[in-house]
Amino acid sequence: MDELKKVRCKNIYGVWYYKIIKPTQYNDLDGPIYELYDTSKKIVSTFGSYADMKYYIETGIIL
């Protein structure tokens, strides 16, 4: 399993982690996706871009 990285966001939004899943011959991805994890390192959702993931953290809305 890839190492989780900390999302760079303001402290008021808490601590979040993410992992990038890159396209390989073993998955059907066209581009990378971002898996978002909460402070207990449980998956929250997946996003098509880092910007969409940060928008969710800041607003609670999934684009």
PDB file of N, CA and C in Angstrom:
ATOM      1  N   MET A   1       0.841  -1.181   0.000  1.00  0.00           N
ATOM      2  CA  MET A   1       0.000   0.000   0.000  1.00  0.00           C
ATOM      3  C   MET A   1       0.885   1.242   0.000  1.00  0.00           C
ATOM      4  N   ASP A   2       0.496   2.205  -0.814  1.00  0.00           N
ATOM      5  CA  ASP A   2       1.249   3.448  -0.874  1.00  0.00           C
ATOM      6  C   ASP A   2       1.103   4.223   0.426  1.00  0.00           C
ATOM      7  N   GLU A   3       2.097   5.030   0.701  1.00  0.00           N
ATOM      8  CA  GLU A   3       2.089   5.833   1.915  1.00  0.00           C
ATOM      9  C   GLU A   3       1.101   6.988   1.779  1.00  0.00           C
ATOM     10  N   LEU A   4       0.377   7.267   2.849  1.00  0.00           N
ATOM     11  CA  LEU A   4      -0.555   8.391   2.851  1.00  0.00           C
ATOM     12  C   LEU A   4       0.215   9.687   3.035  1.00  0.00           C
ATOM     13  N   LYS A   5      -0.241  10.713   2.327  1.00  0.00           N
ATOM     14  CA  LYS A   5       0.358  12.034   2.438  1.00  0.00           C
ATOM     15  C   LYS A   5      -0.640  12.966   3.104  1.00  0.00           C
ATOM     16  N   LYS A   6      -0.143  13.965   3.799  1.00  0.00           N
ATOM     17  CA  LYS A   6      -1.002  14.924   4.477  1.00  0.00           C
ATOM     18  C   LYS A   6      -1.454  15.989   3.477  1.00  0.00           C
ATOM     19  N   VAL A   7      -2.752  16.311   3.486  1.00  0.00           N
ATOM     20  CA  VAL A   7      -3.293  17.355   2.621  1.00  0.00           C
ATOM     21  C   VAL A   7      -2.876  18.708   3.184  1.00  0.00           C
ATOM     22  N   ARG A   8      -2.431  19.585   2.307  1.00  0.00           N
ATOM     23  CA  ARG A   8      -2.037  20.922   2.734  1.00  0.00           C
ATOM     24  C   ARG A   8      -3.269  21.814   2.726  1.00  0.00           C
ATOM     25  N   CYS A   9      -3.780  22.096   3.912  1.00  0.00           N
ATOM     26  CA  CYS A   9      -4.941  22.970   4.050  1.00  0.00           C
ATOM     27  C   CYS A   9      -4.840  23.721   5.373  1.00  0.00           C
ATOM     28  N   LYS A  10      -5.690  24.729   5.546  1.00  0.00           N
ATOM     29  CA  LYS A  10      -5.679  25.528   6.770  1.00  0.00           C
ATOM     30  C   LYS A  10      -6.057  24.667   7.970  1.00  0.00           C
ATOM     31  N   ASN A  11      -5.512  25.008   9.116  1.00  0.00           N
ATOM     32  CA  ASN A  11      -5.756  24.251  10.344  1.00  0.00           C
ATOM     33  C   ASN A  11      -7.231  24.169  10.723  1.00  0.00           C
ATOM     34  N   ILE A  12      -8.022  25.165  10.335  1.00  0.00           N
ATOM     35  CA  ILE A  12      -9.438  25.157  10.703  1.00  0.00           C
ATOM     36  C   ILE A  12     -10.191  23.988  10.059  1.00  0.00           C
ATOM     37  N   TYR A  13      -9.630  23.404   9.001  1.00  0.00           N
ATOM     38  CA  TYR A  13     -10.279  22.286   8.315  1.00  0.00           C
ATOM     39  C   TYR A  13      -9.850  20.932   8.867  1.00  0.00           C
ATOM     40  N   GLY A  14      -8.939  20.927   9.816  1.00  0.00           N
ATOM     41  CA  GLY A  14      -8.495  19.686  10.422  1.00  0.00           C
ATOM     42  C   GLY A  14      -7.370  19.021   9.647  1.00  0.00           C
ATOM     43  N   VAL A  15      -7.105  17.783  10.017  1.00  0.00           N
ATOM     44  CA  VAL A  15      -6.026  17.014   9.391  1.00  0.00           C
ATOM     45  C   VAL A  15      -6.649  15.971   8.469  1.00  0.00           C
ATOM     46  N   TRP A  16      -6.197  15.955   7.241  1.00  0.00           N
ATOM     47  CA  TRP A  16      -6.677  15.016   6.231  1.00  0.00           C
ATOM     48  C   TRP A  16      -5.468  14.380   5.552  1.00  0.00           C
ATOM     49  N   TYR A  17      -5.665  13.192   5.016  1.00  0.00           N
ATOM     50  CA  TYR A  17      -4.611  12.480   4.295  1.00  0.00           C
ATOM     51  C   TYR A  17      -5.143  12.058   2.937  1.00  0.00           C
ATOM     52  N   TYR A  18      -4.226  11.832   1.999  1.00  0.00           N
ATOM     53  CA  TYR A  18      -4.632  11.360   0.684  1.00  0.00           C
ATOM     54  C   TYR A  18      -3.611  10.393   0.112  1.00  0.00           C
ATOM     55  N   LYS A  19      -4.059   9.668  -0.882  1.00  0.00           N
ATOM     56  CA  LYS A  19      -3.198   8.741  -1.615  1.00  0.00           C
ATOM     57  C   LYS A  19      -3.550   8.876  -3.087  1.00  0.00           C
ATOM     58  N   ILE A  20      -2.544   8.887  -3.953  1.00  0.00           N
ATOM     59  CA  ILE A  20      -2.762   8.968  -5.389  1.00  0.00           C
ATOM     60  C   ILE A  20      -2.760   7.550  -5.962  1.00  0.00           C
ATOM     61  N   ILE A  21      -3.791   7.232  -6.727  1.00  0.00           N
ATOM     62  CA  ILE A  21      -3.861   5.959  -7.445  1.00  0.00           C
ATOM     63  C   ILE A  21      -3.594   6.269  -8.908  1.00  0.00           C
ATOM     64  N   LYS A  22      -2.492   5.770  -9.427  1.00  0.00           N
ATOM     65  CA  LYS A  22      -2.098   6.053 -10.803  1.00  0.00           C
ATOM     66  C   LYS A  22      -2.591   4.952 -11.735  1.00  0.00           C
ATOM     67  N   PRO A  23      -2.845   5.308 -13.000  1.00  0.00           N
ATOM     68  CA  PRO A  23      -3.272   4.297 -13.968  1.00  0.00           C
ATOM     69  C   PRO A  23      -2.178   3.243 -14.184  1.00  0.00           C
ATOM     70  N   THR A  24      -2.588   2.002 -14.236  1.00  0.00           N
ATOM     71  CA  THR A  24      -1.669   0.897 -14.527  1.00  0.00           C
ATOM     72  C   THR A  24      -2.364  -0.062 -15.474  1.00  0.00           C
ATOM     73  N   GLN A  25      -1.668  -1.090 -15.853  1.00  0.00           N
ATOM     74  CA  GLN A  25      -2.276  -2.093 -16.721  1.00  0.00           C
ATOM     75  C   GLN A  25      -3.295  -2.945 -15.962  1.00  0.00           C
ATOM     76  N   TYR A  26      -3.321  -2.823 -14.639  1.00  0.00           N
ATOM     77  CA  TYR A  26      -4.218  -3.637 -13.816  1.00  0.00           C
ATOM     78  C   TYR A  26      -5.502  -2.925 -13.417  1.00  0.00           C
ATOM     79  N   ASN A  27      -5.639  -1.638 -13.763  1.00  0.00           N
ATOM     80  CA  ASN A  27      -6.892  -0.931 -13.476  1.00  0.00           C
ATOM     81  C   ASN A  27      -7.359  -0.212 -14.736  1.00  0.00           C
ATOM     82  N   ASP A  28      -8.570   0.253 -14.722  1.00  0.00           N
ATOM     83  CA  ASP A  28      -9.171   0.888 -15.899  1.00  0.00           C
ATOM     84  C   ASP A  28      -9.149   2.409 -15.825  1.00  0.00           C
ATOM     85  N   LEU A  29      -8.177   2.970 -15.133  1.00  0.00           N
ATOM     86  CA  LEU A  29      -8.121   4.414 -14.961  1.00  0.00           C
ATOM     87  C   LEU A  29      -7.537   5.102 -16.190  1.00  0.00           C
ATOM     88  N   ASP A  30      -8.126   6.255 -16.545  1.00  0.00           N
ATOM     89  CA  ASP A  30      -7.587   7.079 -17.627  1.00  0.00           C
ATOM     90  C   ASP A  30      -6.559   8.073 -17.102  1.00  0.00           C
ATOM     91  N   GLY A  31      -6.692   8.433 -15.836  1.00  0.00           N
ATOM     92  CA  GLY A  31      -5.782   9.375 -15.190  1.00  0.00           C
ATOM     93  C   GLY A  31      -5.742   9.060 -13.714  1.00  0.00           C
ATOM     94  N   PRO A  32      -4.893   9.745 -12.970  1.00  0.00           N
ATOM     95  CA  PRO A  32      -4.799   9.462 -11.533  1.00  0.00           C
ATOM     96  C   PRO A  32      -6.059   9.888 -10.782  1.00  0.00           C
ATOM     97  N   ILE A  33      -6.345   9.212  -9.684  1.00  0.00           N
ATOM     98  CA  ILE A  33      -7.428   9.604  -8.785  1.00  0.00           C
ATOM     99  C   ILE A  33      -6.832   9.793  -7.390  1.00  0.00           C
ATOM    100  N   TYR A  34      -7.542  10.539  -6.581  1.00  0.00           N
ATOM    101  CA  TYR A  34      -7.090  10.850  -5.230  1.00  0.00           C
ATOM    102  C   TYR A  34      -8.072  10.258  -4.237  1.00  0.00           C
ATOM    103  N   GLU A  35      -7.567   9.442  -3.317  1.00  0.00           N
ATOM    104  CA  GLU A  35      -8.388   8.889  -2.246  1.00  0.00           C
ATOM    105  C   GLU A  35      -8.167   9.737  -1.008  1.00  0.00           C
ATOM    106  N   LEU A  36      -9.246  10.241  -0.419  1.00  0.00           N
ATOM    107  CA  LEU A  36      -9.173  11.095   0.764  1.00  0.00           C
ATOM    108  C   LEU A  36      -9.464  10.271   2.013  1.00  0.00           C
ATOM    109  N   TYR A  37      -8.642  10.479   3.042  1.00  0.00           N
ATOM    110  CA  TYR A  37      -8.773   9.767   4.313  1.00  0.00           C
ATOM    111  C   TYR A  37      -8.927  10.780   5.445  1.00  0.00           C
ATOM    112  N   ASP A  38      -9.682  10.408   6.479  1.00  0.00           N
ATOM    113  CA  ASP A  38      -9.855  11.290   7.636  1.00  0.00           C
ATOM    114  C   ASP A  38      -8.713  11.092   8.634  1.00  0.00           C
ATOM    115  N   THR A  39      -8.835  11.702   9.812  1.00  0.00           N
ATOM    116  CA  THR A  39      -7.750  11.640  10.798  1.00  0.00           C
ATOM    117  C   THR A  39      -7.501  10.232  11.319  1.00  0.00           C
ATOM    118  N   SER A  40      -8.521   9.383  11.302  1.00  0.00           N
ATOM    119  CA  SER A  40      -8.330   7.991  11.730  1.00  0.00           C
ATOM    120  C   SER A  40      -7.890   7.109  10.573  1.00  0.00           C
ATOM    121  N   LYS A  41      -7.585   7.742   9.450  1.00  0.00           N
ATOM    122  CA  LYS A  41      -7.063   7.100   8.234  1.00  0.00           C
ATOM    123  C   LYS A  41      -8.049   6.097   7.630  1.00  0.00           C
ATOM    124  N   LYS A  42      -9.339   6.449   7.721  1.00  0.00           N
ATOM    125  CA  LYS A  42     -10.394   5.700   7.043  1.00  0.00           C
ATOM    126  C   LYS A  42     -10.773   6.474   5.794  1.00  0.00           C
ATOM    127  N   ILE A  43     -10.992   5.757   4.689  1.00  0.00           N
ATOM    128  CA  ILE A  43     -11.294   6.420   3.424  1.00  0.00           C
ATOM    129  C   ILE A  43     -12.628   7.157   3.502  1.00  0.00           C
ATOM    130  N   VAL A  44     -12.630   8.372   2.952  1.00  0.00           N
ATOM    131  CA  VAL A  44     -13.830   9.203   2.934  1.00  0.00           C
ATOM    132  C   VAL A  44     -14.472   9.163   1.552  1.00  0.00           C
ATOM    133  N   SER A  45     -13.663   9.414   0.509  1.00  0.00           N
ATOM    134  CA  SER A  45     -14.158   9.440  -0.858  1.00  0.00           C
ATOM    135  C   SER A  45     -12.987   9.468  -1.829  1.00  0.00           C
ATOM    136  N   THR A  46     -13.294   9.369  -3.125  1.00  0.00           N
ATOM    137  CA  THR A  46     -12.273   9.493  -4.158  1.00  0.00           C
ATOM    138  C   THR A  46     -12.612  10.686  -5.037  1.00  0.00           C
ATOM    139  N   PHE A  47     -11.570  11.305  -5.587  1.00  0.00           N
ATOM    140  CA  PHE A  47     -11.730  12.516  -6.383  1.00  0.00           C
ATOM    141  C   PHE A  47     -10.857  12.435  -7.633  1.00  0.00           C
ATOM    142  N   GLY A  48     -11.273  13.154  -8.675  1.00  0.00           N
ATOM    143  CA  GLY A  48     -10.536  13.165  -9.933  1.00  0.00           C
ATOM    144  C   GLY A  48      -9.378  14.136  -9.955  1.00  0.00           C
ATOM    145  N   SER A  49      -9.337  15.058  -8.985  1.00  0.00           N
ATOM    146  CA  SER A  49      -8.224  16.009  -8.935  1.00  0.00           C
ATOM    147  C   SER A  49      -7.981  16.445  -7.494  1.00  0.00           C
ATOM    148  N   TYR A  50      -6.783  16.956  -7.269  1.00  0.00           N
ATOM    149  CA  TYR A  50      -6.417  17.470  -5.945  1.00  0.00           C
ATOM    150  C   TYR A  50      -7.296  18.663  -5.592  1.00  0.00           C
ATOM    151  N   ALA A  51      -7.590  19.509  -6.587  1.00  0.00           N
ATOM    152  CA  ALA A  51      -8.420  20.695  -6.345  1.00  0.00           C
ATOM    153  C   ALA A  51      -9.826  20.306  -5.906  1.00  0.00           C
ATOM    154  N   ASP A  52     -10.415  19.287  -6.528  1.00  0.00           N
ATOM    155  CA  ASP A  52     -11.745  18.819  -6.126  1.00  0.00           C
ATOM    156  C   ASP A  52     -11.725  18.296  -4.693  1.00  0.00           C
ATOM    157  N   MET A  53     -10.653  17.614  -4.332  1.00  0.00           N
ATOM    158  CA  MET A  53     -10.512  17.065  -2.985  1.00  0.00           C
ATOM    159  C   MET A  53     -10.434  18.199  -1.962  1.00  0.00           C
ATOM    160  N   LYS A  54      -9.629  19.229  -2.239  1.00  0.00           N
ATOM    161  CA  LYS A  54      -9.520  20.368  -1.327  1.00  0.00           C
ATOM    162  C   LYS A  54     -10.837  21.128  -1.235  1.00  0.00           C
ATOM    163  N   TYR A  55     -11.568  21.229  -2.329  1.00  0.00           N
ATOM    164  CA  TYR A  55     -12.862  21.901  -2.321  1.00  0.00           C
ATOM    165  C   TYR A  55     -13.823  21.166  -1.392  1.00  0.00           C
ATOM    166  N   TYR A  56     -13.801  19.842  -1.425  1.00  0.00           N
ATOM    167  CA  TYR A  56     -14.643  19.050  -0.534  1.00  0.00           C
ATOM    168  C   TYR A  56     -14.280  19.314   0.931  1.00  0.00           C
ATOM    169  N   ILE A  57     -12.993  19.356   1.232  1.00  0.00           N
ATOM    170  CA  ILE A  57     -12.541  19.597   2.606  1.00  0.00           C
ATOM    171  C   ILE A  57     -13.031  20.960   3.095  1.00  0.00           C
ATOM    172  N   GLU A  58     -12.974  21.955   2.229  1.00  0.00           N
ATOM    173  CA  GLU A  58     -13.326  23.326   2.610  1.00  0.00           C
ATOM    174  C   GLU A  58     -14.831  23.582   2.630  1.00  0.00           C
ATOM    175  N   THR A  59     -15.603  22.845   1.829  1.00  0.00           N
ATOM    176  CA  THR A  59     -17.038  23.144   1.717  1.00  0.00           C
ATOM    177  C   THR A  59     -17.956  21.975   2.066  1.00  0.00           C
ATOM    178  N   GLY A  60     -17.432  20.759   1.988  1.00  0.00           N
ATOM    179  CA  GLY A  60     -18.278  19.582   2.214  1.00  0.00           C
ATOM    180  C   GLY A  60     -19.054  19.171   0.983  1.00  0.00           C
ATOM    181  N   ILE A  61     -18.782  19.808  -0.154  1.00  0.00           N
ATOM    182  CA  ILE A  61     -19.506  19.521  -1.392  1.00  0.00           C
ATOM    183  C   ILE A  61     -18.601  18.731  -2.335  1.00  0.00           C
ATOM    184  N   ILE A  62     -19.128  17.621  -2.848  1.00  0.00           N
ATOM    185  CA  ILE A  62     -18.395  16.820  -3.836  1.00  0.00           C
ATOM    186  C   ILE A  62     -18.788  17.306  -5.220  1.00  0.00           C
ATOM    187  N   LEU A  63     -17.798  17.719  -6.002  1.00  0.00           N
ATOM    188  CA  LEU A  63     -18.069  18.176  -7.363  1.00  0.00           C
ATOM    189  C   LEU A  63     -18.247  17.018  -8.314  1.00  0.00           C
TER     190      LEU A  63
END
